[in-house]
Amino acid sequence: MSEWAATKSRRVLAALQRIGWRIARTSGSHRTLRPEGWPQYRFAYHDKEEIGPVILSEIAKHTGLRPKDL
């Protein structure tokens, strides 16, 4: 069983912002996030879209997000 539970992308974006990621640019539903010390990351999900465990683990790999951050 995965340690990640499916959740709305709005919640994931809020968690990323809490751990230090900032929105650098926005183009439609595509947001380019940039923190200090990490390469930029393109977050391309609509706010009400459900993100599953596999995608959440991919986001975590690129951003340092942890299940307890949600």
PDB file of N, CA and C in Angstrom:
ATOM      1  N   MET A   1       0.845  -1.179   0.000  1.00  0.00           N
ATOM      2  CA  MET A   1       0.000   0.000   0.000  1.00  0.00           C
ATOM      3  C   MET A   1       0.888   1.240   0.000  1.00  0.00           C
ATOM      4  N   SER A   2       0.512   2.218  -0.753  1.00  0.00           N
ATOM      5  CA  SER A   2       1.269   3.452  -0.859  1.00  0.00           C
ATOM      6  C   SER A   2       1.069   4.320   0.381  1.00  0.00           C
ATOM      7  N   GLU A   3       2.096   5.074   0.725  1.00  0.00           N
ATOM      8  CA  GLU A   3       1.967   6.004   1.851  1.00  0.00           C
ATOM      9  C   GLU A   3       1.212   7.269   1.441  1.00  0.00           C
ATOM     10  N   TRP A   4       0.977   7.432   0.136  1.00  0.00           N
ATOM     11  CA  TRP A   4       0.261   8.595  -0.385  1.00  0.00           C
ATOM     12  C   TRP A   4      -1.200   8.251  -0.592  1.00  0.00           C
ATOM     13  N   ALA A   5      -2.083   9.154  -0.223  1.00  0.00           N
ATOM     14  CA  ALA A   5      -3.515   9.016  -0.499  1.00  0.00           C
ATOM     15  C   ALA A   5      -3.890  10.047  -1.562  1.00  0.00           C
ATOM     16  N   ALA A   6      -4.820   9.695  -2.431  1.00  0.00           N
ATOM     17  CA  ALA A   6      -5.264  10.627  -3.469  1.00  0.00           C
ATOM     18  C   ALA A   6      -5.831  11.882  -2.822  1.00  0.00           C
ATOM     19  N   THR A   7      -5.552  13.020  -3.419  1.00  0.00           N
ATOM     20  CA  THR A   7      -6.012  14.297  -2.878  1.00  0.00           C
ATOM     21  C   THR A   7      -6.184  15.312  -4.007  1.00  0.00           C
ATOM     22  N   LYS A   8      -6.869  16.385  -3.731  1.00  0.00           N
ATOM     23  CA  LYS A   8      -7.090  17.437  -4.721  1.00  0.00           C
ATOM     24  C   LYS A   8      -5.801  18.219  -4.953  1.00  0.00           C
ATOM     25  N   SER A   9      -5.612  18.676  -6.168  1.00  0.00           N
ATOM     26  CA  SER A   9      -4.378  19.394  -6.494  1.00  0.00           C
ATOM     27  C   SER A   9      -4.276  20.715  -5.748  1.00  0.00           C
ATOM     28  N   ARG A  10      -5.398  21.336  -5.423  1.00  0.00           N
ATOM     29  CA  ARG A  10      -5.393  22.585  -4.651  1.00  0.00           C
ATOM     30  C   ARG A  10      -4.695  22.375  -3.305  1.00  0.00           C
ATOM     31  N   ARG A  11      -4.951  21.223  -2.681  1.00  0.00           N
ATOM     32  CA  ARG A  11      -4.331  20.896  -1.391  1.00  0.00           C
ATOM     33  C   ARG A  11      -2.831  20.642  -1.552  1.00  0.00           C
ATOM     34  N   VAL A  12      -2.453  19.988  -2.642  1.00  0.00           N
ATOM     35  CA  VAL A  12      -1.036  19.718  -2.905  1.00  0.00           C
ATOM     36  C   VAL A  12      -0.291  21.029  -3.134  1.00  0.00           C
ATOM     37  N   LEU A  13      -0.868  21.930  -3.923  1.00  0.00           N
ATOM     38  CA  LEU A  13      -0.234  23.225  -4.177  1.00  0.00           C
ATOM     39  C   LEU A  13      -0.073  24.021  -2.884  1.00  0.00           C
ATOM     40  N   ALA A  14      -1.089  24.000  -2.033  1.00  0.00           N
ATOM     41  CA  ALA A  14      -1.010  24.708  -0.741  1.00  0.00           C
ATOM     42  C   ALA A  14       0.096  24.112   0.124  1.00  0.00           C
ATOM     43  N   ALA A  15       0.240  22.785   0.117  1.00  0.00           N
ATOM     44  CA  ALA A  15       1.291  22.138   0.898  1.00  0.00           C
ATOM     45  C   ALA A  15       2.670  22.519   0.361  1.00  0.00           C
ATOM     46  N   LEU A  16       2.820  22.577  -0.959  1.00  0.00           N
ATOM     47  CA  LEU A  16       4.096  22.980  -1.548  1.00  0.00           C
ATOM     48  C   LEU A  16       4.448  24.410  -1.148  1.00  0.00           C
ATOM     49  N   GLN A  17       3.460  25.278  -1.123  1.00  0.00           N
ATOM     50  CA  GLN A  17       3.717  26.661  -0.726  1.00  0.00           C
ATOM     51  C   GLN A  17       4.088  26.757   0.751  1.00  0.00           C
ATOM     52  N   ARG A  18       3.499  25.903   1.584  1.00  0.00           N
ATOM     53  CA  ARG A  18       3.848  25.900   3.010  1.00  0.00           C
ATOM     54  C   ARG A  18       5.283  25.465   3.243  1.00  0.00           C
ATOM     55  N   ILE A  19       5.805  24.574   2.393  1.00  0.00           N
ATOM     56  CA  ILE A  19       7.182  24.095   2.602  1.00  0.00           C
ATOM     57  C   ILE A  19       8.213  24.937   1.850  1.00  0.00           C
ATOM     58  N   GLY A  20       7.785  26.058   1.267  1.00  0.00           N
ATOM     59  CA  GLY A  20       8.754  27.004   0.715  1.00  0.00           C
ATOM     60  C   GLY A  20       8.739  27.231  -0.777  1.00  0.00           C
ATOM     61  N   TRP A  21       7.899  26.531  -1.527  1.00  0.00           N
ATOM     62  CA  TRP A  21       7.812  26.741  -2.963  1.00  0.00           C
ATOM     63  C   TRP A  21       6.978  27.982  -3.231  1.00  0.00           C
ATOM     64  N   ARG A  22       7.378  28.790  -4.182  1.00  0.00           N
ATOM     65  CA  ARG A  22       6.660  30.009  -4.557  1.00  0.00           C
ATOM     66  C   ARG A  22       6.306  29.964  -6.040  1.00  0.00           C
ATOM     67  N   ILE A  23       5.153  30.526  -6.387  1.00  0.00           N
ATOM     68  CA  ILE A  23       4.730  30.567  -7.791  1.00  0.00           C
ATOM     69  C   ILE A  23       5.524  31.666  -8.487  1.00  0.00           C
ATOM     70  N   ALA A  24       6.321  31.272  -9.478  1.00  0.00           N
ATOM     71  CA  ALA A  24       7.130  32.224 -10.232  1.00  0.00           C
ATOM     72  C   ALA A  24       6.364  32.748 -11.442  1.00  0.00           C
ATOM     73  N   ARG A  25       5.616  31.859 -12.118  1.00  0.00           N
ATOM     74  CA  ARG A  25       4.840  32.235 -13.303  1.00  0.00           C
ATOM     75  C   ARG A  25       3.566  31.407 -13.343  1.00  0.00           C
ATOM     76  N   THR A  26       2.546  31.945 -13.993  1.00  0.00           N
ATOM     77  CA  THR A  26       1.291  31.226 -14.201  1.00  0.00           C
ATOM     78  C   THR A  26       0.859  31.408 -15.644  1.00  0.00           C
ATOM     79  N   SER A  27       0.452  30.316 -16.268  1.00  0.00           N
ATOM     80  CA  SER A  27      -0.102  30.352 -17.607  1.00  0.00           C
ATOM     81  C   SER A  27      -1.263  29.365 -17.643  1.00  0.00           C
ATOM     82  N   GLY A  28      -2.477  29.855 -17.463  1.00  0.00           N
ATOM     83  CA  GLY A  28      -3.637  28.972 -17.372  1.00  0.00           C
ATOM     84  C   GLY A  28      -3.563  28.169 -16.089  1.00  0.00           C
ATOM     85  N   SER A  29      -3.646  26.842 -16.215  1.00  0.00           N
ATOM     86  CA  SER A  29      -3.540  25.989 -15.032  1.00  0.00           C
ATOM     87  C   SER A  29      -2.097  25.556 -14.776  1.00  0.00           C
ATOM     88  N   HIS A  30      -1.168  25.982 -15.613  1.00  0.00           N
ATOM     89  CA  HIS A  30       0.246  25.642 -15.433  1.00  0.00           C
ATOM     90  C   HIS A  30       0.906  26.690 -14.540  1.00  0.00           C
ATOM     91  N   ARG A  31       1.472  26.225 -13.453  1.00  0.00           N
ATOM     92  CA  ARG A  31       2.186  27.119 -12.539  1.00  0.00           C
ATOM     93  C   ARG A  31       3.630  26.668 -12.456  1.00  0.00           C
ATOM     94  N   THR A  32       4.552  27.588 -12.613  1.00  0.00           N
ATOM     95  CA  THR A  32       5.968  27.281 -12.462  1.00  0.00           C
ATOM     96  C   THR A  32       6.349  27.674 -11.049  1.00  0.00           C
ATOM     97  N   LEU A  33       6.789  26.682 -10.282  1.00  0.00           N
ATOM     98  CA  LEU A  33       7.155  26.897  -8.886  1.00  0.00           C
ATOM     99  C   LEU A  33       8.663  26.949  -8.769  1.00  0.00           C
ATOM    100  N   ARG A  34       9.137  27.800  -7.871  1.00  0.00           N
ATOM    101  CA  ARG A  34      10.579  27.945  -7.695  1.00  0.00           C
ATOM    102  C   ARG A  34      10.886  28.255  -6.227  1.00  0.00           C
ATOM    103  N   PRO A  35      11.720  27.433  -5.583  1.00  0.00           N
ATOM    104  CA  PRO A  35      12.188  27.736  -4.230  1.00  0.00           C
ATOM    105  C   PRO A  35      13.691  28.004  -4.246  1.00  0.00           C
ATOM    106  N   GLU A  36      14.220  28.306  -3.101  1.00  0.00           N
ATOM    107  CA  GLU A  36      15.672  28.438  -2.974  1.00  0.00           C
ATOM    108  C   GLU A  36      16.298  27.047  -2.939  1.00  0.00           C
ATOM    109  N   GLY A  37      17.329  26.839  -3.716  1.00  0.00           N
ATOM    110  CA  GLY A  37      18.083  25.590  -3.658  1.00  0.00           C
ATOM    111  C   GLY A  37      17.524  24.421  -4.442  1.00  0.00           C
ATOM    112  N   TRP A  38      16.436  24.569  -5.154  1.00  0.00           N
ATOM    113  CA  TRP A  38      15.862  23.495  -5.966  1.00  0.00           C
ATOM    114  C   TRP A  38      15.662  24.023  -7.386  1.00  0.00           C
ATOM    115  N   PRO A  39      15.693  23.141  -8.375  1.00  0.00           N
ATOM    116  CA  PRO A  39      15.342  23.593  -9.733  1.00  0.00           C
ATOM    117  C   PRO A  39      13.837  23.862  -9.801  1.00  0.00           C
ATOM    118  N   GLN A  40      13.417  24.658 -10.770  1.00  0.00           N
ATOM    119  CA  GLN A  40      11.997  24.974 -10.890  1.00  0.00           C
ATOM    120  C   GLN A  40      11.198  23.725 -11.220  1.00  0.00           C
ATOM    121  N   TYR A  41       9.910  23.757 -10.901  1.00  0.00           N
ATOM    122  CA  TYR A  41       9.019  22.622 -11.134  1.00  0.00           C
ATOM    123  C   TYR A  41       7.723  23.143 -11.743  1.00  0.00           C
ATOM    124  N   ARG A  42       7.245  22.500 -12.791  1.00  0.00           N
ATOM    125  CA  ARG A  42       6.002  22.893 -13.451  1.00  0.00           C
ATOM    126  C   ARG A  42       4.863  22.087 -12.845  1.00  0.00           C
ATOM    127  N   PHE A  43       3.940  22.760 -12.190  1.00  0.00           N
ATOM    128  CA  PHE A  43       2.760  22.146 -11.577  1.00  0.00           C
ATOM    129  C   PHE A  43       1.600  22.412 -12.512  1.00  0.00           C
ATOM    130  N   ALA A  44       1.138  21.390 -13.222  1.00  0.00           N
ATOM    131  CA  ALA A  44       0.160  21.578 -14.299  1.00  0.00           C
ATOM    132  C   ALA A  44      -1.135  20.819 -14.034  1.00  0.00           C
ATOM    133  N   TYR A  45      -1.783  21.153 -12.939  1.00  0.00           N
ATOM    134  CA  TYR A  45      -3.033  20.480 -12.580  1.00  0.00           C
ATOM    135  C   TYR A  45      -4.094  21.520 -12.261  1.00  0.00           C
ATOM    136  N   HIS A  46      -5.329  21.247 -12.678  1.00  0.00           N
ATOM    137  CA  HIS A  46      -6.455  22.116 -12.331  1.00  0.00           C
ATOM    138  C   HIS A  46      -6.730  21.980 -10.842  1.00  0.00           C
ATOM    139  N   ASP A  47      -7.243  23.045 -10.217  1.00  0.00           N
ATOM    140  CA  ASP A  47      -7.439  23.061  -8.766  1.00  0.00           C
ATOM    141  C   ASP A  47      -8.312  21.929  -8.244  1.00  0.00           C
ATOM    142  N   LYS A  48      -9.349  21.563  -8.960  1.00  0.00           N
ATOM    143  CA  LYS A  48     -10.281  20.539  -8.476  1.00  0.00           C
ATOM    144  C   LYS A  48      -9.904  19.132  -8.926  1.00  0.00           C
ATOM    145  N   GLU A  49      -8.813  19.000  -9.650  1.00  0.00           N
ATOM    146  CA  GLU A  49      -8.376  17.702 -10.160  1.00  0.00           C
ATOM    147  C   GLU A  49      -7.854  16.832  -9.024  1.00  0.00           C
ATOM    148  N   GLU A  50      -8.224  15.558  -9.056  1.00  0.00           N
ATOM    149  CA  GLU A  50      -7.764  14.586  -8.066  1.00  0.00           C
ATOM    150  C   GLU A  50      -6.410  14.039  -8.520  1.00  0.00           C
ATOM    151  N   ILE A  51      -5.430  14.072  -7.629  1.00  0.00           N
ATOM    152  CA  ILE A  51      -4.097  13.551  -7.933  1.00  0.00           C
ATOM    153  C   ILE A  51      -3.914  12.260  -7.153  1.00  0.00           C
ATOM    154  N   GLY A  52      -3.579  11.182  -7.864  1.00  0.00           N
ATOM    155  CA  GLY A  52      -3.435   9.869  -7.248  1.00  0.00           C
ATOM    156  C   GLY A  52      -2.063   9.641  -6.633  1.00  0.00           C
ATOM    157  N   PRO A  53      -1.886   8.503  -5.972  1.00  0.00           N
ATOM    158  CA  PRO A  53      -0.645   8.191  -5.264  1.00  0.00           C
ATOM    159  C   PRO A  53       0.599   8.146  -6.157  1.00  0.00           C
ATOM    160  N   VAL A  54       0.467   7.657  -7.367  1.00  0.00           N
ATOM    161  CA  VAL A  54       1.632   7.551  -8.251  1.00  0.00           C
ATOM    162  C   VAL A  54       2.139   8.938  -8.634  1.00  0.00           C
ATOM    163  N   ILE A  55       1.241   9.824  -9.011  1.00  0.00           N
ATOM    164  CA  ILE A  55       1.628  11.189  -9.375  1.00  0.00           C
ATOM    165  C   ILE A  55       2.144  11.934  -8.153  1.00  0.00           C
ATOM    166  N   LEU A  56       1.523  11.714  -6.996  1.00  0.00           N
ATOM    167  CA  LEU A  56       1.998  12.367  -5.769  1.00  0.00           C
ATOM    168  C   LEU A  56       3.428  11.963  -5.443  1.00  0.00           C
ATOM    169  N   SER A  57       3.762  10.692  -5.649  1.00  0.00           N
ATOM    170  CA  SER A  57       5.140  10.264  -5.382  1.00  0.00           C
ATOM    171  C   SER A  57       6.108  10.876  -6.391  1.00  0.00           C
ATOM    172  N   GLU A  58       5.675  11.094  -7.629  1.00  0.00           N
ATOM    173  CA  GLU A  58       6.513  11.779  -8.616  1.00  0.00           C
ATOM    174  C   GLU A  58       6.730  13.237  -8.232  1.00  0.00           C
ATOM    175  N   ILE A  59       5.668  13.900  -7.796  1.00  0.00           N
ATOM    176  CA  ILE A  59       5.787  15.285  -7.347  1.00  0.00           C
ATOM    177  C   ILE A  59       6.751  15.355  -6.163  1.00  0.00           C
ATOM    178  N   ALA A  60       6.619  14.417  -5.245  1.00  0.00           N
ATOM    179  CA  ALA A  60       7.487  14.382  -4.061  1.00  0.00           C
ATOM    180  C   ALA A  60       8.950  14.202  -4.441  1.00  0.00           C
ATOM    181  N   LYS A  61       9.207  13.385  -5.450  1.00  0.00           N
ATOM    182  CA  LYS A  61      10.579  13.143  -5.886  1.00  0.00           C
ATOM    183  C   LYS A  61      11.240  14.429  -6.387  1.00  0.00           C
ATOM    184  N   HIS A  62      10.456  15.274  -7.025  1.00  0.00           N
ATOM    185  CA  HIS A  62      10.997  16.506  -7.600  1.00  0.00           C
ATOM    186  C   HIS A  62      10.959  17.699  -6.652  1.00  0.00           C
ATOM    187  N   THR A  63      10.111  17.632  -5.613  1.00  0.00           N
ATOM    188  CA  THR A  63       9.910  18.807  -4.770  1.00  0.00           C
ATOM    189  C   THR A  63      10.256  18.627  -3.300  1.00  0.00           C
ATOM    190  N   GLY A  64      10.423  17.393  -2.848  1.00  0.00           N
ATOM    191  CA  GLY A  64      10.694  17.163  -1.434  1.00  0.00           C
ATOM    192  C   GLY A  64       9.435  17.102  -0.580  1.00  0.00           C
ATOM    193  N   LEU A  65       8.267  17.054  -1.196  1.00  0.00           N
ATOM    194  CA  LEU A  65       7.000  16.966  -0.475  1.00  0.00           C
ATOM    195  C   LEU A  65       6.929  15.628   0.251  1.00  0.00           C
ATOM    196  N   ARG A  66       6.388  15.626   1.456  1.00  0.00           N
ATOM    197  CA  ARG A  66       6.211  14.401   2.235  1.00  0.00           C
ATOM    198  C   ARG A  66       4.727  14.225   2.575  1.00  0.00           C
ATOM    199  N   PRO A  67       4.283  12.991   2.811  1.00  0.00           N
ATOM    200  CA  PRO A  67       2.862  12.775   3.131  1.00  0.00           C
ATOM    201  C   PRO A  67       2.397  13.597   4.323  1.00  0.00           C
ATOM    202  N   LYS A  68       3.245  13.809   5.304  1.00  0.00           N
ATOM    203  CA  LYS A  68       2.808  14.575   6.482  1.00  0.00           C
ATOM    204  C   LYS A  68       2.652  16.067   6.172  1.00  0.00           C
ATOM    205  N   ASP A  69       3.204  16.551   5.038  1.00  0.00           N
ATOM    206  CA  ASP A  69       3.048  17.944   4.643  1.00  0.00           C
ATOM    207  C   ASP A  69       1.641  18.260   4.149  1.00  0.00           C
ATOM    208  N   LEU A  70       0.935  17.216   3.697  1.00  0.00           N
ATOM    209  CA  LEU A  70      -0.429  17.424   3.200  1.00  0.00           C
ATOM    210  C   LEU A  70      -1.356  17.607   4.376  1.00  0.00           C
TER     211      LEU A  70
END
